[in-house]
Amino acid sequence: MPEVGVRELKARASEILREVHDRRVRYIITYRGRPIGVLLPVPEVPSEGYRGEDPWEELTHLGEDISRNWQSPLSSTELLTEMRR
């Protein structure tokens, strides 16, 4: 898997993304010579649970799924407030 530094990624972003898309190349992204992430192509097959809808509709359905299965006595806003303290 080739490595690409953050500066090189910035300078060659279009070219690198084209390689990821067209040739399915995976890259290790480095910062000051240390690996910090991986850039890889999205699988051709939609992920499990994807409905093939408009992205906003998909987000709405995901929000409804989360609401149905919410088990915390706190709301999401309350949880985020607690996490920020």
N, C-alpha and C. Protein backbone atom coordinates (compact mmCIF):
# COMPACT_ATOMS: atom_id res chain seq x y z
N MET A 1 0.86 -1.17 0.00
CA MET A 1 0.00 0.00 0.00
C MET A 1 0.91 1.23 0.00
N PRO A 2 0.76 2.12 -0.98
CA PRO A 2 1.62 3.30 -1.02
C PRO A 2 1.30 4.27 0.11
N GLU A 3 2.32 5.02 0.51
CA GLU A 3 2.15 6.05 1.52
C GLU A 3 2.13 7.41 0.84
N VAL A 4 1.36 8.32 1.42
CA VAL A 4 1.31 9.68 0.91
C VAL A 4 1.25 10.62 2.11
N GLY A 5 2.15 11.61 2.11
CA GLY A 5 2.17 12.59 3.18
C GLY A 5 1.03 13.58 3.02
N VAL A 6 0.69 14.24 4.10
CA VAL A 6 -0.42 15.19 4.09
C VAL A 6 -0.21 16.29 3.05
N ARG A 7 1.00 16.82 2.97
CA ARG A 7 1.28 17.88 2.00
C ARG A 7 1.13 17.37 0.57
N GLU A 8 1.65 16.17 0.31
CA GLU A 8 1.52 15.60 -1.03
C GLU A 8 0.06 15.31 -1.35
N LEU A 9 -0.68 14.82 -0.36
CA LEU A 9 -2.11 14.56 -0.56
C LEU A 9 -2.83 15.84 -0.95
N LYS A 10 -2.49 16.93 -0.27
CA LYS A 10 -3.11 18.21 -0.57
C LYS A 10 -2.77 18.65 -2.00
N ALA A 11 -1.52 18.48 -2.38
CA ALA A 11 -1.08 18.93 -3.70
C ALA A 11 -1.62 18.06 -4.83
N ARG A 12 -1.80 16.77 -4.57
CA ARG A 12 -2.22 15.83 -5.62
C ARG A 12 -3.58 15.20 -5.34
N ALA A 13 -4.43 15.87 -4.58
CA ALA A 13 -5.70 15.29 -4.14
C ALA A 13 -6.53 14.72 -5.29
N SER A 14 -6.72 15.48 -6.34
CA SER A 14 -7.56 15.00 -7.46
C SER A 14 -6.98 13.74 -8.09
N GLU A 15 -5.68 13.76 -8.32
CA GLU A 15 -5.02 12.60 -8.93
C GLU A 15 -5.12 11.36 -8.02
N ILE A 16 -4.87 11.54 -6.74
CA ILE A 16 -4.91 10.42 -5.80
C ILE A 16 -6.32 9.88 -5.67
N LEU A 17 -7.30 10.75 -5.57
CA LEU A 17 -8.69 10.30 -5.46
C LEU A 17 -9.14 9.57 -6.73
N ARG A 18 -8.65 10.02 -7.87
CA ARG A 18 -8.96 9.33 -9.12
C ARG A 18 -8.40 7.91 -9.10
N GLU A 19 -7.18 7.74 -8.58
CA GLU A 19 -6.58 6.41 -8.48
C GLU A 19 -7.38 5.53 -7.53
N VAL A 20 -7.83 6.11 -6.42
CA VAL A 20 -8.64 5.35 -5.46
C VAL A 20 -9.93 4.91 -6.12
N HIS A 21 -10.56 5.79 -6.85
CA HIS A 21 -11.83 5.48 -7.50
C HIS A 21 -11.66 4.52 -8.68
N ASP A 22 -10.77 4.85 -9.59
CA ASP A 22 -10.65 4.09 -10.83
C ASP A 22 -9.86 2.79 -10.68
N ARG A 23 -8.75 2.86 -9.95
CA ARG A 23 -7.87 1.70 -9.86
C ARG A 23 -7.97 0.98 -8.53
N ARG A 24 -8.84 1.50 -7.61
CA ARG A 24 -9.07 0.88 -6.31
C ARG A 24 -7.80 0.83 -5.46
N VAL A 25 -6.93 1.85 -5.63
CA VAL A 25 -5.67 1.94 -4.87
C VAL A 25 -5.99 2.38 -3.45
N ARG A 26 -5.28 1.81 -2.49
CA ARG A 26 -5.39 2.21 -1.08
C ARG A 26 -4.12 2.94 -0.69
N TYR A 27 -4.27 3.98 0.12
CA TYR A 27 -3.12 4.77 0.56
C TYR A 27 -3.07 4.83 2.07
N ILE A 28 -1.85 4.80 2.60
CA ILE A 28 -1.62 5.12 4.01
C ILE A 28 -1.25 6.60 4.03
N ILE A 29 -1.97 7.38 4.82
CA ILE A 29 -1.71 8.81 4.92
C ILE A 29 -0.77 9.03 6.10
N THR A 30 0.29 9.79 5.87
CA THR A 30 1.26 10.04 6.92
C THR A 30 1.35 11.52 7.26
N TYR A 31 1.75 11.80 8.48
CA TYR A 31 2.01 13.15 8.94
C TYR A 31 3.36 13.12 9.65
N ARG A 32 4.31 13.86 9.10
CA ARG A 32 5.68 13.85 9.61
C ARG A 32 6.25 12.43 9.65
N GLY A 33 5.92 11.66 8.61
CA GLY A 33 6.46 10.32 8.47
C GLY A 33 5.76 9.24 9.26
N ARG A 34 4.76 9.61 10.05
CA ARG A 34 4.04 8.62 10.86
C ARG A 34 2.65 8.39 10.29
N PRO A 35 2.21 7.14 10.20
CA PRO A 35 0.87 6.85 9.68
C PRO A 35 -0.21 7.44 10.57
N ILE A 36 -1.19 8.10 9.94
CA ILE A 36 -2.30 8.68 10.70
C ILE A 36 -3.66 8.23 10.18
N GLY A 37 -3.69 7.62 9.00
CA GLY A 37 -4.98 7.22 8.45
C GLY A 37 -4.81 6.40 7.19
N VAL A 38 -5.94 5.93 6.71
CA VAL A 38 -5.96 5.13 5.49
C VAL A 38 -7.02 5.70 4.57
N LEU A 39 -6.68 5.84 3.31
CA LEU A 39 -7.63 6.26 2.28
C LEU A 39 -7.90 5.05 1.42
N LEU A 40 -9.15 4.60 1.41
CA LEU A 40 -9.47 3.41 0.63
C LEU A 40 -10.80 3.56 -0.07
N PRO A 41 -11.00 2.81 -1.15
CA PRO A 41 -12.25 2.94 -1.91
C PRO A 41 -13.43 2.36 -1.14
N VAL A 42 -14.58 2.94 -1.39
CA VAL A 42 -15.82 2.43 -0.82
C VAL A 42 -16.20 1.17 -1.60
N PRO A 43 -16.68 0.14 -0.92
CA PRO A 43 -17.07 -1.07 -1.64
C PRO A 43 -18.12 -0.78 -2.71
N GLU A 44 -18.06 -1.54 -3.79
CA GLU A 44 -19.00 -1.36 -4.89
C GLU A 44 -20.44 -1.67 -4.46
N VAL A 45 -20.59 -2.65 -3.59
CA VAL A 45 -21.92 -3.06 -3.14
C VAL A 45 -22.34 -2.13 -2.01
N PRO A 46 -23.56 -1.60 -2.06
CA PRO A 46 -24.02 -0.74 -0.97
C PRO A 46 -23.93 -1.47 0.37
N SER A 47 -23.61 -0.72 1.42
CA SER A 47 -23.48 -1.32 2.75
C SER A 47 -24.83 -1.85 3.23
N GLU A 48 -24.76 -2.78 4.15
CA GLU A 48 -25.96 -3.40 4.70
C GLU A 48 -26.85 -2.32 5.31
N GLY A 49 -28.11 -2.39 5.04
CA GLY A 49 -29.05 -1.43 5.58
C GLY A 49 -29.25 -0.20 4.72
N TYR A 50 -28.40 0.00 3.73
CA TYR A 50 -28.55 1.17 2.85
C TYR A 50 -29.77 0.97 1.98
N ARG A 51 -30.62 1.96 1.92
CA ARG A 51 -31.89 1.83 1.20
C ARG A 51 -31.82 2.37 -0.22
N GLY A 52 -30.69 2.94 -0.62
CA GLY A 52 -30.55 3.50 -1.96
C GLY A 52 -31.38 4.74 -2.18
N GLU A 53 -31.67 5.47 -1.11
CA GLU A 53 -32.51 6.65 -1.20
C GLU A 53 -31.66 7.91 -1.31
N ASP A 54 -32.37 9.00 -1.41
CA ASP A 54 -31.74 10.30 -1.30
C ASP A 54 -31.02 10.34 0.05
N PRO A 55 -29.81 10.88 0.11
CA PRO A 55 -29.05 10.88 1.38
C PRO A 55 -29.81 11.50 2.55
N TRP A 56 -30.57 12.57 2.31
CA TRP A 56 -31.31 13.18 3.43
C TRP A 56 -32.39 12.25 3.92
N GLU A 57 -33.06 11.54 3.00
CA GLU A 57 -34.07 10.56 3.42
C GLU A 57 -33.42 9.44 4.22
N GLU A 58 -32.25 9.00 3.77
CA GLU A 58 -31.51 7.96 4.48
C GLU A 58 -31.17 8.41 5.90
N LEU A 59 -30.70 9.67 6.05
CA LEU A 59 -30.41 10.20 7.38
C LEU A 59 -31.66 10.27 8.26
N THR A 60 -32.78 10.64 7.65
CA THR A 60 -34.04 10.69 8.39
C THR A 60 -34.42 9.30 8.90
N HIS A 61 -34.30 8.30 8.02
CA HIS A 61 -34.62 6.92 8.43
C HIS A 61 -33.66 6.42 9.51
N LEU A 62 -32.39 6.76 9.39
CA LEU A 62 -31.43 6.35 10.42
C LEU A 62 -31.76 7.00 11.75
N GLY A 63 -32.14 8.28 11.73
CA GLY A 63 -32.55 8.96 12.95
C GLY A 63 -33.76 8.29 13.59
N GLU A 64 -34.72 7.87 12.76
CA GLU A 64 -35.90 7.17 13.27
C GLU A 64 -35.51 5.83 13.88
N ASP A 65 -34.58 5.11 13.23
CA ASP A 65 -34.10 3.83 13.78
C ASP A 65 -33.44 4.05 15.14
N ILE A 66 -32.62 5.09 15.24
CA ILE A 66 -31.96 5.38 16.51
C ILE A 66 -32.99 5.71 17.58
N SER A 67 -33.99 6.52 17.23
CA SER A 67 -35.02 6.89 18.20
C SER A 67 -35.79 5.69 18.72
N ARG A 68 -36.11 4.78 17.83
CA ARG A 68 -36.86 3.58 18.24
C ARG A 68 -36.07 2.72 19.22
N ASN A 69 -34.75 2.69 19.06
CA ASN A 69 -33.92 1.81 19.88
C ASN A 69 -33.16 2.54 20.99
N TRP A 70 -33.49 3.82 21.22
CA TRP A 70 -32.79 4.61 22.23
C TRP A 70 -33.08 4.04 23.61
N GLN A 71 -32.03 3.73 24.39
CA GLN A 71 -32.24 3.09 25.69
C GLN A 71 -31.77 3.93 26.86
N SER A 72 -31.14 5.03 26.62
CA SER A 72 -30.64 5.88 27.70
C SER A 72 -31.78 6.73 28.24
N PRO A 73 -31.78 6.95 29.56
CA PRO A 73 -32.79 7.86 30.12
C PRO A 73 -32.52 9.32 29.74
N LEU A 74 -31.29 9.61 29.29
CA LEU A 74 -30.94 10.97 28.87
C LEU A 74 -31.16 11.14 27.37
N SER A 75 -31.45 12.35 26.96
CA SER A 75 -31.58 12.63 25.54
C SER A 75 -30.18 12.74 24.93
N SER A 76 -30.11 12.74 23.62
CA SER A 76 -28.81 12.88 22.97
C SER A 76 -28.17 14.22 23.32
N THR A 77 -28.97 15.26 23.43
CA THR A 77 -28.45 16.58 23.79
C THR A 77 -27.87 16.55 25.20
N GLU A 78 -28.57 15.90 26.12
CA GLU A 78 -28.07 15.80 27.49
C GLU A 78 -26.76 15.01 27.55
N LEU A 79 -26.69 13.92 26.77
CA LEU A 79 -25.47 13.13 26.74
C LEU A 79 -24.29 13.93 26.21
N LEU A 80 -24.50 14.69 25.14
CA LEU A 80 -23.44 15.52 24.59
C LEU A 80 -22.99 16.60 25.58
N THR A 81 -23.94 17.17 26.29
CA THR A 81 -23.62 18.18 27.30
C THR A 81 -22.75 17.56 28.39
N GLU A 82 -23.11 16.36 28.83
CA GLU A 82 -22.33 15.67 29.86
C GLU A 82 -20.93 15.35 29.36
N MET A 83 -20.79 14.96 28.09
CA MET A 83 -19.50 14.61 27.54
C MET A 83 -18.58 15.83 27.44
N ARG A 84 -19.14 16.99 27.28
CA ARG A 84 -18.34 18.21 27.10
C ARG A 84 -17.80 18.73 28.43
N ARG A 85 -18.34 18.25 29.53
CA ARG A 85 -17.91 18.74 30.86
C ARG A 85 -16.62 18.12 31.27
